Amino acid sequence: MTFPALDRIEALARNLDGWQRQLGARMAELEQSNAEGVSDSGLVTVTAAADGKILSTEINARAMRFDSYTLAEEFTAAANRAQEAAAARVREIVGDVMGNAPAAERPAADDYGYDRY
């Protein structure tokens, strides 16, 4: 008697090592990635890490002409865009990895040697 479900489990186990290596490589890529966000005026640029942490801010000297409220809005817009871009990159990488992950197929009832009805 054969057990197709067991064959699928064995196939998944064989593919797991390769998938883990791919996941490790993509995670390292993710840790090294960052994203930039630019304000509406283009005078404030913020860089965020993949986890959303702000890494750096660049403020053009012309932005110093803004009042404090406008400068704060510019910074907030740039920071939000940087964090959104970083999150999008995370989703992209995770989606790629998960799309290549080995998937277990749901066996049909007769895969266990039983008739459906």
PDB file of N, CA and C in Angstrom:
ATOM      1  N   MET A   1       0.846  -1.175   0.000  1.00  0.00           N
ATOM      2  CA  MET A   1       0.000   0.000   0.000  1.00  0.00           C
ATOM      3  C   MET A   1       0.895   1.242   0.000  1.00  0.00           C
ATOM      4  N   THR A   2       0.581   2.199  -0.837  1.00  0.00           N
ATOM      5  CA  THR A   2       1.353   3.441  -0.891  1.00  0.00           C
ATOM      6  C   THR A   2       0.580   4.554  -0.208  1.00  0.00           C
ATOM      7  N   PHE A   3       1.326   5.517   0.273  1.00  0.00           N
ATOM      8  CA  PHE A   3       0.730   6.659   0.956  1.00  0.00           C
ATOM      9  C   PHE A   3       1.200   7.944   0.269  1.00  0.00           C
ATOM     10  N   PRO A   4       0.417   8.468  -0.675  1.00  0.00           N
ATOM     11  CA  PRO A   4       0.816   9.673  -1.401  1.00  0.00           C
ATOM     12  C   PRO A   4       1.088  10.862  -0.473  1.00  0.00           C
ATOM     13  N   ALA A   5       0.371  10.946   0.629  1.00  0.00           N
ATOM     14  CA  ALA A   5       0.610  12.056   1.553  1.00  0.00           C
ATOM     15  C   ALA A   5       2.025  11.974   2.120  1.00  0.00           C
ATOM     16  N   LEU A   6       2.520  10.779   2.391  1.00  0.00           N
ATOM     17  CA  LEU A   6       3.873  10.588   2.892  1.00  0.00           C
ATOM     18  C   LEU A   6       4.890  11.010   1.834  1.00  0.00           C
ATOM     19  N   ASP A   7       4.600  10.687   0.567  1.00  0.00           N
ATOM     20  CA  ASP A   7       5.482  11.114  -0.520  1.00  0.00           C
ATOM     21  C   ASP A   7       5.578  12.638  -0.577  1.00  0.00           C
ATOM     22  N   ARG A   8       4.456  13.322  -0.358  1.00  0.00           N
ATOM     23  CA  ARG A   8       4.463  14.790  -0.371  1.00  0.00           C
ATOM     24  C   ARG A   8       5.284  15.344   0.786  1.00  0.00           C
ATOM     25  N   ILE A   9       5.175  14.733   1.945  1.00  0.00           N
ATOM     26  CA  ILE A   9       5.947  15.174   3.111  1.00  0.00           C
ATOM     27  C   ILE A   9       7.436  14.994   2.847  1.00  0.00           C
ATOM     28  N   GLU A  10       7.815  13.875   2.257  1.00  0.00           N
ATOM     29  CA  GLU A  10       9.225  13.644   1.930  1.00  0.00           C
ATOM     30  C   GLU A  10       9.732  14.666   0.919  1.00  0.00           C
ATOM     31  N   ALA A  11       8.920  15.000  -0.065  1.00  0.00           N
ATOM     32  CA  ALA A  11       9.308  16.008  -1.055  1.00  0.00           C
ATOM     33  C   ALA A  11       9.480  17.370  -0.401  1.00  0.00           C
ATOM     34  N   LEU A  12       8.589  17.710   0.510  1.00  0.00           N
ATOM     35  CA  LEU A  12       8.712  18.976   1.233  1.00  0.00           C
ATOM     36  C   LEU A  12       9.998  19.008   2.051  1.00  0.00           C
ATOM     37  N   ALA A  13      10.322  17.925   2.709  1.00  0.00           N
ATOM     38  CA  ALA A  13      11.532  17.860   3.519  1.00  0.00           C
ATOM     39  C   ALA A  13      12.771  18.039   2.649  1.00  0.00           C
ATOM     40  N   ARG A  14      12.777  17.453   1.459  1.00  0.00           N
ATOM     41  CA  ARG A  14      13.925  17.607   0.550  1.00  0.00           C
ATOM     42  C   ARG A  14      14.094  19.059   0.109  1.00  0.00           C
ATOM     43  N   ASN A  15      12.981  19.751  -0.101  1.00  0.00           N
ATOM     44  CA  ASN A  15      13.037  21.129  -0.578  1.00  0.00           C
ATOM     45  C   ASN A  15      13.263  22.142   0.528  1.00  0.00           C
ATOM     46  N   LEU A  16      13.084  21.740   1.772  1.00  0.00           N
ATOM     47  CA  LEU A  16      13.154  22.677   2.890  1.00  0.00           C
ATOM     48  C   LEU A  16      14.530  23.318   3.041  1.00  0.00           C
ATOM     49  N   ASP A  17      15.603  22.542   2.854  1.00  0.00           N
ATOM     50  CA  ASP A  17      16.949  23.101   2.995  1.00  0.00           C
ATOM     51  C   ASP A  17      17.196  24.237   2.011  1.00  0.00           C
ATOM     52  N   GLY A  18      16.831  24.019   0.767  1.00  0.00           N
ATOM     53  CA  GLY A  18      17.015  25.068  -0.242  1.00  0.00           C
ATOM     54  C   GLY A  18      16.183  26.296   0.074  1.00  0.00           C
ATOM     55  N   TRP A  19      14.968  26.074   0.525  1.00  0.00           N
ATOM     56  CA  TRP A  19      14.096  27.193   0.862  1.00  0.00           C
ATOM     57  C   TRP A  19      14.662  27.969   2.046  1.00  0.00           C
ATOM     58  N   GLN A  20      15.221  27.274   3.033  1.00  0.00           N
ATOM     59  CA  GLN A  20      15.814  27.956   4.186  1.00  0.00           C
ATOM     60  C   GLN A  20      17.007  28.796   3.766  1.00  0.00           C
ATOM     61  N   ARG A  21      17.826  28.296   2.870  1.00  0.00           N
ATOM     62  CA  ARG A  21      18.973  29.078   2.381  1.00  0.00           C
ATOM     63  C   ARG A  21      18.493  30.324   1.657  1.00  0.00           C
ATOM     64  N   GLN A  22      17.465  30.165   0.824  1.00  0.00           N
ATOM     65  CA  GLN A  22      16.913  31.312   0.109  1.00  0.00           C
ATOM     66  C   GLN A  22      16.347  32.329   1.097  1.00  0.00           C
ATOM     67  N   LEU A  23      15.641  31.856   2.091  1.00  0.00           N
ATOM     68  CA  LEU A  23      15.073  32.747   3.098  1.00  0.00           C
ATOM     69  C   LEU A  23      16.164  33.500   3.841  1.00  0.00           C
ATOM     70  N   GLY A  24      17.233  32.820   4.202  1.00  0.00           N
ATOM     71  CA  GLY A  24      18.348  33.470   4.890  1.00  0.00           C
ATOM     72  C   GLY A  24      18.990  34.557   4.046  1.00  0.00           C
ATOM     73  N   ALA A  25      19.176  34.273   2.770  1.00  0.00           N
ATOM     74  CA  ALA A  25      19.768  35.264   1.871  1.00  0.00           C
ATOM     75  C   ALA A  25      18.867  36.479   1.721  1.00  0.00           C
ATOM     76  N   ARG A  26      17.572  36.258   1.573  1.00  0.00           N
ATOM     77  CA  ARG A  26      16.634  37.371   1.416  1.00  0.00           C
ATOM     78  C   ARG A  26      16.516  38.180   2.702  1.00  0.00           C
ATOM     79  N   MET A  27      16.597  37.514   3.852  1.00  0.00           N
ATOM     80  CA  MET A  27      16.542  38.226   5.131  1.00  0.00           C
ATOM     81  C   MET A  27      17.775  39.119   5.290  1.00  0.00           C
ATOM     82  N   ALA A  28      18.932  38.616   4.880  1.00  0.00           N
ATOM     83  CA  ALA A  28      20.144  39.435   4.924  1.00  0.00           C
ATOM     84  C   ALA A  28      19.997  40.640   4.006  1.00  0.00           C
ATOM     85  N   GLU A  29      19.425  40.424   2.834  1.00  0.00           N
ATOM     86  CA  GLU A  29      19.165  41.528   1.902  1.00  0.00           C
ATOM     87  C   GLU A  29      18.221  42.545   2.536  1.00  0.00           C
ATOM     88  N   LEU A  30      17.219  42.043   3.200  1.00  0.00           N
ATOM     89  CA  LEU A  30      16.239  42.910   3.844  1.00  0.00           C
ATOM     90  C   LEU A  30      16.880  43.743   4.949  1.00  0.00           C
ATOM     91  N   GLU A  31      17.746  43.127   5.740  1.00  0.00           N
ATOM     92  CA  GLU A  31      18.414  43.843   6.826  1.00  0.00           C
ATOM     93  C   GLU A  31      19.293  44.976   6.304  1.00  0.00           C
ATOM     94  N   GLN A  32      19.824  44.815   5.107  1.00  0.00           N
ATOM     95  CA  GLN A  32      20.701  45.821   4.522  1.00  0.00           C
ATOM     96  C   GLN A  32      19.947  46.881   3.727  1.00  0.00           C
ATOM     97  N   SER A  33      18.671  46.664   3.493  1.00  0.00           N
ATOM     98  CA  SER A  33      17.930  47.585   2.644  1.00  0.00           C
ATOM     99  C   SER A  33      17.409  48.778   3.436  1.00  0.00           C
ATOM    100  N   ASN A  34      17.224  49.869   2.733  1.00  0.00           N
ATOM    101  CA  ASN A  34      16.598  51.055   3.310  1.00  0.00           C
ATOM    102  C   ASN A  34      15.836  51.763   2.203  1.00  0.00           C
ATOM    103  N   ALA A  35      15.061  52.754   2.598  1.00  0.00           N
ATOM    104  CA  ALA A  35      14.230  53.461   1.625  1.00  0.00           C
ATOM    105  C   ALA A  35      14.231  54.947   1.950  1.00  0.00           C
ATOM    106  N   GLU A  36      14.054  55.744   0.918  1.00  0.00           N
ATOM    107  CA  GLU A  36      14.016  57.189   1.089  1.00  0.00           C
ATOM    108  C   GLU A  36      12.617  57.723   0.866  1.00  0.00           C
ATOM    109  N   GLY A  37      12.325  58.795   1.576  1.00  0.00           N
ATOM    110  CA  GLY A  37      11.093  59.532   1.371  1.00  0.00           C
ATOM    111  C   GLY A  37      11.443  60.993   1.219  1.00  0.00           C
ATOM    112  N   VAL A  38      10.771  61.661   0.323  1.00  0.00           N
ATOM    113  CA  VAL A  38      11.045  63.066   0.032  1.00  0.00           C
ATOM    114  C   VAL A  38       9.767  63.864   0.270  1.00  0.00           C
ATOM    115  N   SER A  39       9.920  65.040   0.855  1.00  0.00           N
ATOM    116  CA  SER A  39       8.769  65.896   1.129  1.00  0.00           C
ATOM    117  C   SER A  39       8.214  66.486  -0.165  1.00  0.00           C
ATOM    118  N   ASP A  40       7.043  67.089  -0.068  1.00  0.00           N
ATOM    119  CA  ASP A  40       6.399  67.688  -1.242  1.00  0.00           C
ATOM    120  C   ASP A  40       7.286  68.742  -1.904  1.00  0.00           C
ATOM    121  N   SER A  41       7.983  69.522  -1.107  1.00  0.00           N
ATOM    122  CA  SER A  41       8.841  70.570  -1.660  1.00  0.00           C
ATOM    123  C   SER A  41      10.130  70.018  -2.239  1.00  0.00           C
ATOM    124  N   GLY A  42      10.479  68.788  -1.847  1.00  0.00           N
ATOM    125  CA  GLY A  42      11.739  68.197  -2.280  1.00  0.00           C
ATOM    126  C   GLY A  42      12.923  68.664  -1.453  1.00  0.00           C
ATOM    127  N   LEU A  43      12.666  69.426  -0.410  1.00  0.00           N
ATOM    128  CA  LEU A  43      13.741  69.999   0.395  1.00  0.00           C
ATOM    129  C   LEU A  43      14.100  69.164   1.622  1.00  0.00           C
ATOM    130  N   VAL A  44      13.280  68.170   1.946  1.00  0.00           N
ATOM    131  CA  VAL A  44      13.565  67.303   3.098  1.00  0.00           C
ATOM    132  C   VAL A  44      13.543  65.861   2.604  1.00  0.00           C
ATOM    133  N   THR A  45      14.623  65.132   2.918  1.00  0.00           N
ATOM    134  CA  THR A  45      14.743  63.725   2.555  1.00  0.00           C
ATOM    135  C   THR A  45      15.028  62.923   3.814  1.00  0.00           C
ATOM    136  N   VAL A  46      14.286  61.854   3.996  1.00  0.00           N
ATOM    137  CA  VAL A  46      14.458  60.978   5.152  1.00  0.00           C
ATOM    138  C   VAL A  46      14.742  59.571   4.648  1.00  0.00           C
ATOM    139  N   THR A  47      15.673  58.893   5.291  1.00  0.00           N
ATOM    140  CA  THR A  47      15.993  57.508   4.979  1.00  0.00           C
ATOM    141  C   THR A  47      15.576  56.642   6.156  1.00  0.00           C
ATOM    142  N   ALA A  48      14.851  55.559   5.858  1.00  0.00           N
ATOM    143  CA  ALA A  48      14.384  54.630   6.885  1.00  0.00           C
ATOM    144  C   ALA A  48      14.899  53.230   6.595  1.00  0.00           C
ATOM    145  N   ALA A  49      15.174  52.495   7.667  1.00  0.00           N
ATOM    146  CA  ALA A  49      15.574  51.087   7.549  1.00  0.00           C
ATOM    147  C   ALA A  49      14.344  50.238   7.279  1.00  0.00           C
ATOM    148  N   ALA A  50      14.572  48.974   7.001  1.00  0.00           N
ATOM    149  CA  ALA A  50      13.471  48.054   6.706  1.00  0.00           C
ATOM    150  C   ALA A  50      12.494  47.944   7.868  1.00  0.00           C
ATOM    151  N   ASP A  51      12.986  48.126   9.093  1.00  0.00           N
ATOM    152  CA  ASP A  51      12.097  48.041  10.252  1.00  0.00           C
ATOM    153  C   ASP A  51      11.392  49.358  10.558  1.00  0.00           C
ATOM    154  N   GLY A  52      11.606  50.376   9.711  1.00  0.00           N
ATOM    155  CA  GLY A  52      10.942  51.662   9.871  1.00  0.00           C
ATOM    156  C   GLY A  52      11.739  52.681  10.663  1.00  0.00           C
ATOM    157  N   LYS A  53      12.848  52.255  11.244  1.00  0.00           N
ATOM    158  CA  LYS A  53      13.682  53.172  12.023  1.00  0.00           C
ATOM    159  C   LYS A  53      14.276  54.247  11.114  1.00  0.00           C
ATOM    160  N   ILE A  54      14.185  55.500  11.539  1.00  0.00           N
ATOM    161  CA  ILE A  54      14.753  56.603  10.766  1.00  0.00           C
ATOM    162  C   ILE A  54      16.275  56.552  10.889  1.00  0.00           C
ATOM    163  N   LEU A  55      16.943  56.467   9.747  1.00  0.00           N
ATOM    164  CA  LEU A  55      18.401  56.380   9.735  1.00  0.00           C
ATOM    165  C   LEU A  55      19.066  57.730   9.548  1.00  0.00           C
ATOM    166  N   SER A  56      18.465  58.548   8.703  1.00  0.00           N
ATOM    167  CA  SER A  56      19.069  59.858   8.457  1.00  0.00           C
ATOM    168  C   SER A  56      18.030  60.827   7.918  1.00  0.00           C
ATOM    169  N   THR A  57      18.363  62.088   8.060  1.00  0.00           N
ATOM    170  CA  THR A  57      17.521  63.166   7.548  1.00  0.00           C
ATOM    171  C   THR A  57      18.420  64.179   6.866  1.00  0.00           C
ATOM    172  N   GLU A  58      17.988  64.629   5.707  1.00  0.00           N
ATOM    173  CA  GLU A  58      18.722  65.671   4.992  1.00  0.00           C
ATOM    174  C   GLU A  58      17.760  66.834   4.766  1.00  0.00           C
ATOM    175  N   ILE A  59      18.164  67.988   5.237  1.00  0.00           N
ATOM    176  CA  ILE A  59      17.334  69.182   5.076  1.00  0.00           C
ATOM    177  C   ILE A  59      18.116  70.183   4.243  1.00  0.00           C
ATOM    178  N   ASN A  60      17.575  70.514   3.094  1.00  0.00           N
ATOM    179  CA  ASN A  60      18.188  71.510   2.220  1.00  0.00           C
ATOM    180  C   ASN A  60      18.158  72.858   2.921  1.00  0.00           C
ATOM    181  N   ALA A  61      19.188  73.657   2.723  1.00  0.00           N
ATOM    182  CA  ALA A  61      19.270  74.964   3.387  1.00  0.00           C
ATOM    183  C   ALA A  61      18.060  75.844   3.069  1.00  0.00           C
ATOM    184  N   ARG A  62      17.493  75.704   1.888  1.00  0.00           N
ATOM    185  CA  ARG A  62      16.321  76.507   1.533  1.00  0.00           C
ATOM    186  C   ARG A  62      15.111  76.183   2.403  1.00  0.00           C
ATOM    187  N   ALA A  63      15.081  74.974   2.975  1.00  0.00           N
ATOM    188  CA  ALA A  63      13.967  74.595   3.851  1.00  0.00           C
ATOM    189  C   ALA A  63      13.970  75.412   5.138  1.00  0.00           C
ATOM    190  N   MET A  64      15.086  75.997   5.467  1.00  0.00           N
ATOM    191  CA  MET A  64      15.178  76.789   6.695  1.00  0.00           C
ATOM    192  C   MET A  64      14.373  78.088   6.585  1.00  0.00           C
ATOM    193  N   ARG A  65      13.920  78.405   5.402  1.00  0.00           N
ATOM    194  CA  ARG A  65      13.054  79.577   5.210  1.00  0.00           C
ATOM    195  C   ARG A  65      11.626  79.300   5.672  1.00  0.00           C
ATOM    196  N   PHE A  66      11.287  78.016   5.796  1.00  0.00           N
ATOM    197  CA  PHE A  66       9.940  77.652   6.244  1.00  0.00           C
ATOM    198  C   PHE A  66       9.762  78.017   7.711  1.00  0.00           C
ATOM    199  N   ASP A  67       8.520  78.291   8.082  1.00  0.00           N
ATOM    200  CA  ASP A  67       8.243  78.440   9.511  1.00  0.00           C
ATOM    201  C   ASP A  67       8.308  77.048  10.137  1.00  0.00           C
ATOM    202  N   SER A  68       8.358  76.982  11.449  1.00  0.00           N
ATOM    203  CA  SER A  68       8.558  75.708  12.133  1.00  0.00           C
ATOM    204  C   SER A  68       7.424  74.724  11.847  1.00  0.00           C
ATOM    205  N   TYR A  69       6.201  75.195  11.708  1.00  0.00           N
ATOM    206  CA  TYR A  69       5.061  74.323  11.439  1.00  0.00           C
ATOM    207  C   TYR A  69       5.214  73.663  10.064  1.00  0.00           C
ATOM    208  N   THR A  70       5.572  74.456   9.050  1.00  0.00           N
ATOM    209  CA  THR A  70       5.736  73.927   7.689  1.00  0.00           C
ATOM    210  C   THR A  70       6.916  72.966   7.629  1.00  0.00           C
ATOM    211  N   LEU A  71       8.006  73.311   8.294  1.00  0.00           N
ATOM    212  CA  LEU A  71       9.173  72.434   8.307  1.00  0.00           C
ATOM    213  C   LEU A  71       8.826  71.095   8.970  1.00  0.00           C
ATOM    214  N   ALA A  72       8.045  71.129  10.040  1.00  0.00           N
ATOM    215  CA  ALA A  72       7.614  69.903  10.709  1.00  0.00           C
ATOM    216  C   ALA A  72       6.743  69.067   9.775  1.00  0.00           C
ATOM    217  N   GLU A  73       5.840  69.711   9.031  1.00  0.00           N
ATOM    218  CA  GLU A  73       5.010  68.979   8.074  1.00  0.00           C
ATOM    219  C   GLU A  73       5.856  68.337   6.977  1.00  0.00           C
ATOM    220  N   GLU A  74       6.839  69.058   6.493  1.00  0.00           N
ATOM    221  CA  GLU A  74       7.739  68.533   5.463  1.00  0.00           C
ATOM    222  C   GLU A  74       8.488  67.298   5.978  1.00  0.00           C
ATOM    223  N   PHE A  75       8.995  67.416   7.202  1.00  0.00           N
ATOM    224  CA  PHE A  75       9.714  66.288   7.787  1.00  0.00           C
ATOM    225  C   PHE A  75       8.782  65.094   7.973  1.00  0.00           C
ATOM    226  N   THR A  76       7.602  65.341   8.495  1.00  0.00           N
ATOM    227  CA  THR A  76       6.641  64.258   8.733  1.00  0.00           C
ATOM    228  C   THR A  76       6.267  63.564   7.426  1.00  0.00           C
ATOM    229  N   ALA A  77       6.022  64.335   6.389  1.00  0.00           N
ATOM    230  CA  ALA A  77       5.671  63.743   5.086  1.00  0.00           C
ATOM    231  C   ALA A  77       6.816  62.890   4.554  1.00  0.00           C
ATOM    232  N   ALA A  78       8.028  63.404   4.634  1.00  0.00           N
ATOM    233  CA  ALA A  78       9.183  62.650   4.140  1.00  0.00           C
ATOM    234  C   ALA A  78       9.393  61.378   4.957  1.00  0.00           C
ATOM    235  N   ALA A  79       9.243  61.472   6.283  1.00  0.00           N
ATOM    236  CA  ALA A  79       9.431  60.303   7.146  1.00  0.00           C
ATOM    237  C   ALA A  79       8.365  59.248   6.857  1.00  0.00           C
ATOM    238  N   ASN A  80       7.125  59.683   6.716  1.00  0.00           N
ATOM    239  CA  ASN A  80       6.054  58.727   6.407  1.00  0.00           C
ATOM    240  C   ASN A  80       6.300  58.034   5.081  1.00  0.00           C
ATOM    241  N   ARG A  81       6.744  58.765   4.090  1.00  0.00           N
ATOM    242  CA  ARG A  81       7.013  58.165   2.780  1.00  0.00           C
ATOM    243  C   ARG A  81       8.173  57.178   2.850  1.00  0.00           C
ATOM    244  N   ALA A  82       9.195  57.519   3.615  1.00  0.00           N
ATOM    245  CA  ALA A  82      10.331  56.604   3.768  1.00  0.00           C
ATOM    246  C   ALA A  82       9.888  55.319   4.452  1.00  0.00           C
ATOM    247  N   GLN A  83       9.099  55.439   5.504  1.00  0.00           N
ATOM    248  CA  GLN A  83       8.636  54.253   6.218  1.00  0.00           C
ATOM    249  C   GLN A  83       7.685  53.426   5.359  1.00  0.00           C
ATOM    250  N   GLU A  84       6.836  54.076   4.597  1.00  0.00           N
ATOM    251  CA  GLU A  84       5.928  53.346   3.701  1.00  0.00           C
ATOM    252  C   GLU A  84       6.723  52.604   2.627  1.00  0.00           C
ATOM    253  N   ALA A  85       7.753  53.245   2.087  1.00  0.00           N
ATOM    254  CA  ALA A  85       8.575  52.594   1.067  1.00  0.00           C
ATOM    255  C   ALA A  85       9.345  51.411   1.657  1.00  0.00           C
ATOM    256  N   ALA A  86       9.828  51.566   2.887  1.00  0.00           N
ATOM    257  CA  ALA A  86      10.527  50.462   3.548  1.00  0.00           C
ATOM    258  C   ALA A  86       9.570  49.297   3.786  1.00  0.00           C
ATOM    259  N   ALA A  87       8.365  49.584   4.226  1.00  0.00           N
ATOM    260  CA  ALA A  87       7.368  48.528   4.456  1.00  0.00           C
ATOM    261  C   ALA A  87       7.001  47.836   3.146  1.00  0.00           C
ATOM    262  N   ALA A  88       6.910  48.591   2.073  1.00  0.00           N
ATOM    263  CA  ALA A  88       6.599  48.000   0.770  1.00  0.00           C
ATOM    264  C   ALA A  88       7.721  47.053   0.340  1.00  0.00           C
ATOM    265  N   ARG A  89       8.961  47.429   0.615  1.00  0.00           N
ATOM    266  CA  ARG A  89      10.101  46.576   0.274  1.00  0.00           C
ATOM    267  C   ARG A  89      10.046  45.281   1.088  1.00  0.00           C
ATOM    268  N   VAL A  90       9.690  45.387   2.361  1.00  0.00           N
ATOM    269  CA  VAL A  90       9.558  44.196   3.201  1.00  0.00           C
ATOM    270  C   VAL A  90       8.475  43.279   2.632  1.00  0.00           C
ATOM    271  N   ARG A  91       7.323  43.858   2.289  1.00  0.00           N
ATOM    272  CA  ARG A  91       6.238  43.052   1.722  1.00  0.00           C
ATOM    273  C   ARG A  91       6.672  42.375   0.429  1.00  0.00           C
ATOM    274  N   GLU A  92       7.429  43.092  -0.394  1.00  0.00           N
ATOM    275  CA  GLU A  92       7.902  42.532  -1.665  1.00  0.00           C
ATOM    276  C   GLU A  92       8.814  41.333  -1.427  1.00  0.00           C
ATOM    277  N   ILE A  93       9.777  41.486  -0.533  1.00  0.00           N
ATOM    278  CA  ILE A  93      10.725  40.405  -0.272  1.00  0.00           C
ATOM    279  C   ILE A  93      10.023  39.214   0.379  1.00  0.00           C
ATOM    280  N   VAL A  94       9.188  39.474   1.360  1.00  0.00           N
ATOM    281  CA  VAL A  94       8.462  38.384   2.009  1.00  0.00           C
ATOM    282  C   VAL A  94       7.543  37.689   1.008  1.00  0.00           C
ATOM    283  N   GLY A  95       6.886  38.463   0.155  1.00  0.00           N
ATOM    284  CA  GLY A  95       6.031  37.870  -0.869  1.00  0.00           C
ATOM    285  C   GLY A  95       6.803  36.984  -1.816  1.00  0.00           C
ATOM    286  N   ASP A  96       8.007  37.433  -2.205  1.00  0.00           N
ATOM    287  CA  ASP A  96       8.847  36.612  -3.079  1.00  0.00           C
ATOM    288  C   ASP A  96       9.232  35.308  -2.395  1.00  0.00           C
ATOM    289  N   VAL A  97       9.643  35.412  -1.139  1.00  0.00           N
ATOM    290  CA  VAL A  97      10.066  34.219  -0.409  1.00  0.00           C
ATOM    291  C   VAL A  97       8.890  33.275  -0.208  1.00  0.00           C
ATOM    292  N   MET A  98       7.763  33.817   0.205  1.00  0.00           N
ATOM    293  CA  MET A  98       6.606  32.964   0.456  1.00  0.00           C
ATOM    294  C   MET A  98       6.053  32.370  -0.839  1.00  0.00           C
ATOM    295  N   GLY A  99       6.197  33.100  -1.928  1.00  0.00           N
ATOM    296  CA  GLY A  99       5.758  32.570  -3.215  1.00  0.00           C
ATOM    297  C   GLY A  99       6.590  31.387  -3.664  1.00  0.00           C
ATOM    298  N   ASN A 100       7.837  31.324  -3.184  1.00  0.00           N
ATOM    299  CA  ASN A 100       8.729  30.224  -3.540  1.00  0.00           C
ATOM    300  C   ASN A 100       8.797  29.149  -2.469  1.00  0.00           C
ATOM    301  N   ALA A 101       8.053  29.336  -1.393  1.00  0.00           N
ATOM    302  CA  ALA A 101       8.076  28.362  -0.308  1.00  0.00           C
ATOM    303  C   ALA A 101       7.410  27.069  -0.747  1.00  0.00           C
ATOM    304  N   PRO A 102       7.926  25.957  -0.265  1.00  0.00           N
ATOM    305  CA  PRO A 102       7.261  24.703  -0.589  1.00  0.00           C
ATOM    306  C   PRO A 102       5.882  24.673   0.058  1.00  0.00           C
ATOM    307  N   ALA A 103       4.918  24.257  -0.684  1.00  0.00           N
ATOM    308  CA  ALA A 103       3.547  24.221  -0.169  1.00  0.00           C
ATOM    309  C   ALA A 103       3.053  22.786  -0.148  1.00  0.00           C
ATOM    310  N   ALA A 104       2.382  22.480   0.905  1.00  0.00           N
ATOM    311  CA  ALA A 104       1.779  21.148   0.995  1.00  0.00           C
ATOM    312  C   ALA A 104       0.422  21.203   0.328  1.00  0.00           C
ATOM    313  N   GLU A 105       0.205  20.291  -0.593  1.00  0.00           N
ATOM    314  CA  GLU A 105      -1.093  20.237  -1.247  1.00  0.00           C
ATOM    315  C   GLU A 105      -2.053  19.464  -0.363  1.00  0.00           C
ATOM    316  N   ARG A 106      -3.273  19.874  -0.367  1.00  0.00           N
ATOM    317  CA  ARG A 106      -4.285  19.149   0.390  1.00  0.00           C
ATOM    318  C   ARG A 106      -4.610  17.863  -0.359  1.00  0.00           C
ATOM    319  N   PRO A 107      -4.433  16.736   0.294  1.00  0.00           N
ATOM    320  CA  PRO A 107      -4.698  15.473  -0.409  1.00  0.00           C
ATOM    321  C   PRO A 107      -6.179  15.245  -0.601  1.00  0.00           C
ATOM    322  N   ALA A 108      -6.495  14.583  -1.681  1.00  0.00           N
ATOM    323  CA  ALA A 108      -7.877  14.176  -1.913  1.00  0.00           C
ATOM    324  C   ALA A 108      -8.176  12.997  -0.996  1.00  0.00           C
ATOM    325  N   ALA A 109      -9.429  12.752  -0.734  1.00  0.00           N
ATOM    326  CA  ALA A 109      -9.820  11.684   0.189  1.00  0.00           C
ATOM    327  C   ALA A 109      -9.285  10.328  -0.256  1.00  0.00           C
ATOM    328  N   ASP A 110      -9.267  10.089  -1.566  1.00  0.00           N
ATOM    329  CA  ASP A 110      -8.832   8.781  -2.029  1.00  0.00           C
ATOM    330  C   ASP A 110      -7.312   8.634  -2.024  1.00  0.00           C
ATOM    331  N   ASP A 111      -6.552   9.687  -1.690  1.00  0.00           N
ATOM    332  CA  ASP A 111      -5.108   9.571  -1.565  1.00  0.00           C
ATOM    333  C   ASP A 111      -4.729   8.679  -0.382  1.00  0.00           C
ATOM    334  N   TYR A 112      -5.637   8.479   0.522  1.00  0.00           N
ATOM    335  CA  TYR A 112      -5.384   7.622   1.673  1.00  0.00           C
ATOM    336  C   TYR A 112      -5.862   6.188   1.435  1.00  0.00           C
ATOM    337  N   GLY A 113      -6.274   5.913   0.225  1.00  0.00           N
ATOM    338  CA  GLY A 113      -6.714   4.582  -0.116  1.00  0.00           C
ATOM    339  C   GLY A 113      -8.202   4.355   0.102  1.00  0.00           C
ATOM    340  N   TYR A 114      -8.924   5.413   0.367  1.00  0.00           N
ATOM    341  CA  TYR A 114     -10.357   5.285   0.584  1.00  0.00           C
ATOM    342  C   TYR A 114     -11.097   5.842  -0.619  1.00  0.00           C
ATOM    343  N   ASP A 115     -12.207   5.250  -0.894  1.00  0.00           N
ATOM    344  CA  ASP A 115     -13.064   5.780  -1.949  1.00  0.00           C
ATOM    345  C   ASP A 115     -13.772   7.001  -1.418  1.00  0.00           C
ATOM    346  N   ARG A 116     -14.067   7.925  -2.326  1.00  0.00           N
ATOM    347  CA  ARG A 116     -14.766   9.135  -1.907  1.00  0.00           C
ATOM    348  C   ARG A 116     -16.175   8.806  -1.424  1.00  0.00           C
ATOM    349  N   TYR A 117     -16.876   7.935  -2.095  1.00  0.00           N
ATOM    350  CA  TYR A 117     -18.217   7.486  -1.679  1.00  0.00           C
ATOM    351  C   TYR A 117     -18.536   6.213  -2.352  1.00  0.00           C
TER     352      TYR A 117
END
